[in-house]
Amino acid sequence: MGNNYLFSLTPTFTQGLVIGQLSIFILLALVLKYLFLVSAESDSGSTTYYSQTRSDDSEWGRSRGSKDDQSEGEELGPESARWFNGLAHQVAEVYRAKLRDHLPGFEGNEAARKKIEDYANAIRPRTFLDHITVHSVDLGVSAPQLSAARLSSEKDGSLDTNTKPIEFDMAYTDSASISISTAYLFNYPMSSFARLPISLTISLSLFESTLTLLPPSPNSAIPTLTIALPSDFTLNLKTTSLMGSRAMLKDVPKLHELIEQQVRRTIAAKGTWKIVLPGLGSVADAKEEIEREETKPM
């Protein structure tokens, strides 16, 4: 009876051939089913996903349209300013190259040092500060980083009613530094009675602030783009100092405070920049308009 069974624990050649052909057929069917063919349920699922995607896109479009039609009091969330950071870095590199007279290495460093020394002596208070010698300058390698661009909730009276300022969060850390030497002049009881030698190295640790960008007003005769800093910015400077000729005083805290206060006042005084739009006015016209605004009664 054992010969009546098609399969046995010791298959014959014919039985092995049948098993091999059957296994190949089953494997081929599985490959076709799961790798190349799409079942009705899968096709239905794909259609549902496509329909859902189209529905979501339509909903997003309606939502976006409703945001565009928002009232003036409503604002959009903060946006990235990554594209602007790339532009700011390029602008900073242009200024560095200009200060260095587009010269590499030591020659460029010397050109920048000489320009800064000339400027420092042009603005120094000559009544109590001797000639300033700039020993070295590091112009840095970075640029201010902006983030969280947003429409400001505050309105500016000089702007058109449909125009709002744009605010950024700004942070700047770099290797920028300067080393100088000068002397404080004592003019009492007589002129140039005594001199106090001072050597300083000032380097930037951190500068943080909100930056406001004011678009030009369509009603302005001289349309200008205004960039402004508030008065409550964060400034951290690192200062090393030596005072005196024989008895040397090192890193005097009061001197650090005076330097940081002076830098703060300078930044606050020059914390607004107006850029005349090309082809719509001249710098001279913009200066006249600024002077008129400053002389207006409050």
Protein backbone atom coordinates (compact mmCIF):
# COMPACT_ATOMS: atom_id res chain seq x y z
CA MET A 1 0.00 0.00 0.00
CA GLY A 2 2.97 2.26 0.50
CA ASN A 3 3.26 2.52 -3.29
CA ASN A 4 -0.30 4.02 -3.51
CA TYR A 5 0.76 7.23 -1.65
CA LEU A 6 1.89 10.14 -3.76
CA PHE A 7 4.28 11.34 -1.03
CA SER A 8 6.28 9.40 1.53
CA LEU A 9 9.14 10.06 3.96
CA THR A 10 11.48 8.71 1.27
CA PRO A 11 10.14 10.41 -1.92
CA THR A 12 10.91 9.03 -5.33
CA PHE A 13 12.34 11.05 -8.20
CA THR A 14 8.86 11.78 -9.52
CA GLN A 15 7.64 12.97 -6.10
CA GLY A 16 10.69 15.28 -5.71
CA LEU A 17 10.05 16.77 -9.14
CA VAL A 18 6.41 17.51 -8.25
CA ILE A 19 7.38 19.11 -4.92
CA GLY A 20 10.02 21.32 -6.61
CA GLN A 21 7.65 22.52 -9.33
CA LEU A 22 4.91 23.23 -6.76
CA SER A 23 7.21 25.25 -4.50
CA ILE A 24 8.42 27.35 -7.45
CA PHE A 25 4.83 28.03 -8.47
CA ILE A 26 3.87 29.13 -4.92
CA LEU A 27 6.95 31.41 -4.66
CA LEU A 28 6.17 32.99 -8.04
CA ALA A 29 2.56 33.62 -6.98
CA LEU A 30 3.71 35.35 -3.75
CA VAL A 31 6.18 37.56 -5.63
CA LEU A 32 3.55 38.64 -8.14
CA LYS A 33 0.95 39.28 -5.44
CA TYR A 34 2.96 41.31 -2.96
CA LEU A 35 5.64 42.99 -5.07
CA PHE A 36 4.08 43.82 -8.41
CA LEU A 37 0.31 43.68 -8.09
CA VAL A 38 -1.94 46.09 -6.13
CA SER A 39 -4.95 44.66 -4.39
CA ALA A 40 -8.33 46.31 -4.44
CA GLU A 41 -7.98 47.36 -0.79
CA SER A 42 -4.56 48.93 -1.40
CA ASP A 43 -5.87 50.80 -4.43
CA SER A 44 -8.80 52.03 -2.40
CA GLY A 45 -6.44 53.13 0.36
CA SER A 46 -4.28 55.04 -2.13
CA THR A 47 -7.35 56.74 -3.54
CA THR A 48 -8.50 57.64 -0.06
CA TYR A 49 -5.04 59.06 0.79
CA TYR A 50 -5.00 61.08 -2.43
CA SER A 51 -8.47 62.41 -1.75
CA GLN A 52 -7.51 63.22 1.83
CA THR A 53 -4.38 65.02 0.62
CA ARG A 54 -6.39 67.06 -1.85
CA SER A 55 -8.88 67.82 0.90
CA ASP A 56 -6.08 68.88 3.26
CA ASP A 57 -4.56 71.07 0.54
CA SER A 58 -7.91 72.73 -0.04
CA GLU A 59 -8.36 73.23 3.68
CA TRP A 60 -4.86 74.70 3.94
CA GLY A 61 -5.62 77.05 1.07
CA ARG A 62 -8.85 78.21 2.74
CA SER A 63 -7.01 78.61 6.04
CA ARG A 64 -4.19 80.54 4.35
CA GLY A 65 -6.70 82.72 2.60
CA SER A 66 -8.49 83.43 5.84
CA LYS A 67 -5.14 84.43 7.42
CA ASP A 68 -4.45 86.79 4.54
CA ASP A 69 -7.86 88.33 5.14
CA GLN A 70 -7.29 88.78 8.87
CA SER A 71 -8.07 92.06 10.50
CA GLU A 72 -5.21 94.49 11.13
CA GLY A 73 -5.03 93.66 14.82
CA GLU A 74 -4.19 89.99 14.24
CA GLU A 75 -0.60 88.87 13.58
CA LEU A 76 1.15 85.87 12.11
CA GLY A 77 3.66 83.87 14.14
CA PRO A 78 7.42 84.41 13.98
CA GLU A 79 9.25 83.45 10.80
CA SER A 80 12.82 82.30 10.20
CA ALA A 81 15.40 84.92 9.17
CA ARG A 82 17.97 82.47 7.86
CA TRP A 83 18.04 84.07 4.43
CA PHE A 84 18.66 87.49 6.01
CA ASN A 85 21.57 86.13 8.08
CA GLY A 86 23.34 85.06 4.91
CA LEU A 87 22.88 88.56 3.51
CA ALA A 88 24.08 90.19 6.76
CA HIS A 89 27.22 88.06 6.75
CA GLN A 90 28.02 89.12 3.18
CA VAL A 91 27.50 92.80 4.09
CA ALA A 92 29.83 92.43 7.11
CA GLU A 93 32.49 90.87 4.89
CA VAL A 94 32.24 93.83 2.49
CA TYR A 95 32.81 96.30 5.34
CA ARG A 96 35.80 94.29 6.63
CA ALA A 97 37.33 94.19 3.16
CA LYS A 98 36.78 97.95 2.79
CA LEU A 99 38.48 98.68 6.12
CA ARG A 100 41.42 96.52 5.06
CA ASP A 101 41.63 98.29 1.66
CA HIS A 102 41.04 94.84 0.14
CA LEU A 103 44.56 93.83 1.21
CA PRO A 104 45.41 90.38 2.63
CA GLY A 105 47.42 89.47 5.72
CA PHE A 106 49.51 91.99 7.63
CA GLU A 107 49.00 94.77 5.08
CA GLY A 108 45.24 94.56 5.46
CA ASN A 109 45.48 94.51 9.26
CA GLU A 110 47.72 97.58 9.21
CA ALA A 111 45.37 99.47 6.89
CA ALA A 112 42.42 98.78 9.22
CA ARG A 113 44.47 99.70 12.30
CA LYS A 114 45.54 103.04 10.78
CA LYS A 115 41.99 103.98 9.75
CA ILE A 116 40.59 103.23 13.21
CA GLU A 117 43.44 105.12 14.90
CA ASP A 118 42.80 108.20 12.74
CA TYR A 119 39.10 108.07 13.51
CA ALA A 120 39.68 107.62 17.26
CA ASN A 121 41.95 110.68 17.40
CA ALA A 122 39.52 112.73 15.34
CA ILE A 123 36.73 112.25 17.89
CA ARG A 124 38.73 112.08 21.15
CA PRO A 125 38.20 114.84 23.74
CA ARG A 126 41.53 116.65 23.45
CA THR A 127 41.11 118.57 26.69
CA PHE A 128 41.72 115.52 28.87
CA LEU A 129 42.78 112.64 26.59
CA ASP A 130 46.19 112.35 24.96
CA HIS A 131 46.92 110.90 21.51
CA ILE A 132 45.43 107.43 21.08
CA THR A 133 47.68 104.72 19.70
CA VAL A 134 45.92 101.66 18.30
CA HIS A 135 48.23 98.67 18.61
CA SER A 136 46.05 95.94 17.10
CA VAL A 137 42.56 95.40 15.74
CA ASP A 138 40.56 92.20 15.23
CA LEU A 139 37.63 92.86 12.90
CA GLY A 140 36.01 89.51 13.69
CA VAL A 141 34.74 86.82 11.37
CA SER A 142 31.02 86.64 12.15
CA ALA A 143 27.93 88.83 11.81
CA PRO A 144 24.78 89.53 13.84
CA GLN A 145 22.35 86.60 13.77
CA LEU A 146 18.67 87.42 13.38
CA SER A 147 15.74 85.19 14.30
CA ALA A 148 11.98 85.25 14.96
CA ALA A 149 10.94 87.78 12.33
CA ARG A 150 7.49 89.11 13.17
CA LEU A 151 5.15 92.02 12.66
CA SER A 152 5.36 94.48 15.51
CA SER A 153 2.27 95.09 17.60
CA GLU A 154 3.26 98.74 18.04
CA LYS A 155 2.27 101.34 15.49
CA ASP A 156 4.52 104.16 14.38
CA GLY A 157 2.83 107.51 13.79
CA SER A 158 5.17 108.38 10.95
CA LEU A 159 4.19 105.27 9.01
CA ASP A 160 1.26 104.66 6.73
CA THR A 161 -1.76 103.13 8.46
CA ASN A 162 -1.38 99.94 6.41
CA THR A 163 2.33 99.56 7.22
CA LYS A 164 3.72 97.86 10.31
CA PRO A 165 7.30 97.63 11.59
CA ILE A 166 9.01 94.25 11.39
CA GLU A 167 10.91 93.04 14.47
CA PHE A 168 13.81 90.60 14.75
CA ASP A 169 15.65 89.11 17.70
CA MET A 170 19.35 89.79 17.19
CA ALA A 171 22.41 88.18 18.85
CA TYR A 172 26.04 88.92 18.03
CA THR A 173 29.12 87.14 19.42
CA ASP A 174 32.48 87.42 17.74
CA SER A 175 36.24 87.76 18.22
CA ALA A 176 36.17 91.52 17.51
CA SER A 177 38.62 93.40 19.73
CA ILE A 178 40.93 96.42 19.90
CA SER A 179 44.08 97.19 21.90
CA ILE A 180 45.01 100.84 22.52
CA SER A 181 47.16 103.05 24.71
CA THR A 182 46.71 106.69 25.67
CA ALA A 183 47.01 108.95 28.70
CA TYR A 184 44.56 110.89 30.83
CA LEU A 185 45.62 114.55 31.09
CA PHE A 186 45.43 116.47 34.37
CA ASN A 187 45.05 120.16 33.59
CA TYR A 188 44.79 121.38 37.17
CA PRO A 189 46.31 123.50 38.65
CA MET A 190 47.83 124.17 35.21
CA SER A 191 47.55 122.82 31.67
CA SER A 192 49.20 119.40 31.19
CA PHE A 193 50.08 119.24 34.89
CA ALA A 194 50.36 115.45 34.83
CA ARG A 195 49.63 112.38 32.68
CA LEU A 196 48.19 109.01 33.67
CA PRO A 197 49.20 106.33 31.12
CA ILE A 198 46.44 103.86 30.22
CA SER A 199 46.58 100.65 28.18
CA LEU A 200 43.36 98.90 27.22
CA THR A 201 42.16 95.82 25.38
CA ILE A 202 38.43 95.75 24.69
CA SER A 203 36.71 92.70 23.18
CA LEU A 204 33.10 91.86 22.47
CA SER A 205 31.47 89.06 24.48
CA LEU A 206 27.79 89.46 23.61
CA PHE A 207 25.42 91.93 22.03
CA GLU A 208 21.68 91.15 22.07
CA SER A 209 18.79 93.34 21.09
CA THR A 210 15.53 93.63 19.25
CA LEU A 211 15.99 95.05 15.77
CA THR A 212 13.15 96.97 14.16
CA LEU A 213 12.80 97.38 10.42
CA LEU A 214 10.51 100.23 9.36
CA PRO A 215 9.34 99.95 5.75
CA PRO A 216 9.10 103.19 3.75
CA SER A 217 5.83 105.03 3.92
CA PRO A 218 4.05 105.59 0.59
CA ASN A 219 3.17 109.08 1.86
CA SER A 220 6.81 110.09 2.39
CA ALA A 221 8.36 112.50 -0.09
CA ILE A 222 11.72 110.72 0.35
CA PRO A 223 10.94 107.01 0.93
CA THR A 224 13.56 105.50 3.25
CA LEU A 225 14.07 102.13 4.92
CA THR A 226 14.76 102.61 8.64
CA ILE A 227 16.69 100.18 10.85
CA ALA A 228 16.45 100.97 14.57
CA LEU A 229 17.75 99.59 17.87
CA PRO A 230 15.95 100.13 21.19
CA SER A 231 17.68 101.68 24.20
CA ASP A 232 17.35 98.53 26.36
CA PHE A 233 19.83 96.28 24.55
CA THR A 234 22.25 93.83 26.19
CA LEU A 235 25.97 94.60 25.87
CA ASN A 236 28.73 92.56 27.48
CA LEU A 237 32.33 93.68 26.94
CA LYS A 238 35.53 92.16 28.25
CA THR A 239 38.11 94.76 29.27
CA THR A 240 41.70 94.35 30.44
CA SER A 241 43.53 97.50 31.56
CA LEU A 242 46.76 98.84 33.00
CA MET A 243 46.98 102.31 34.57
CA GLY A 244 50.04 104.21 35.79
CA SER A 245 53.75 104.19 34.98
CA ARG A 246 55.41 102.99 38.19
CA ALA A 247 52.65 101.72 40.49
CA MET A 248 50.51 99.80 37.97
CA LEU A 249 46.79 99.34 38.53
CA LYS A 250 45.37 96.31 36.71
CA ASP A 251 41.81 95.73 35.50
CA VAL A 252 40.16 98.58 37.40
CA PRO A 253 36.39 97.83 37.65
CA LYS A 254 35.41 101.51 37.51
CA LEU A 255 37.27 101.96 34.24
CA HIS A 256 35.42 98.97 32.76
CA GLU A 257 32.09 100.54 33.79
CA LEU A 258 33.01 103.89 32.23
CA ILE A 259 34.04 102.26 28.94
CA GLU A 260 30.90 100.14 28.72
CA GLN A 261 28.68 103.15 29.51
CA GLN A 262 30.38 105.20 26.79
CA VAL A 263 29.97 102.41 24.23
CA ARG A 264 26.31 102.13 25.21
CA ARG A 265 25.76 105.85 24.74
CA THR A 266 27.46 105.77 21.34
CA ILE A 267 25.35 102.85 20.12
CA ALA A 268 22.15 104.46 21.44
CA ALA A 269 23.01 107.78 19.76
CA LYS A 270 23.70 106.09 16.41
CA GLY A 271 21.14 103.32 16.82
CA THR A 272 18.99 104.40 13.87
CA TRP A 273 20.02 104.05 10.24
CA LYS A 274 18.00 105.38 7.31
CA ILE A 275 18.59 103.90 3.87
CA VAL A 276 17.34 105.93 0.91
CA LEU A 277 15.67 103.70 -1.68
CA PRO A 278 17.59 103.85 -4.99
CA GLY A 279 16.00 106.03 -7.63
CA LEU A 280 13.49 107.61 -5.22
CA GLY A 281 15.59 110.28 -3.53
CA SER A 282 19.04 111.42 -2.47
CA VAL A 283 20.92 111.22 0.82
CA ALA A 284 20.90 115.03 1.07
CA ASP A 285 17.11 115.15 0.73
CA ALA A 286 16.77 112.42 3.37
CA LYS A 287 19.00 114.38 5.78
CA GLU A 288 16.86 117.49 5.33
CA GLU A 289 13.70 115.51 6.05
CA ILE A 290 15.27 113.97 9.19
CA GLU A 291 16.31 117.43 10.42
CA ARG A 292 12.79 118.73 9.88
CA GLU A 293 11.36 115.80 11.87
CA GLU A 294 13.83 116.39 14.72
CA THR A 295 12.97 120.10 14.97
CA LYS A 296 9.22 119.49 15.09
CA PRO A 297 7.69 120.39 18.50
CA MET A 298 6.79 117.35 20.61
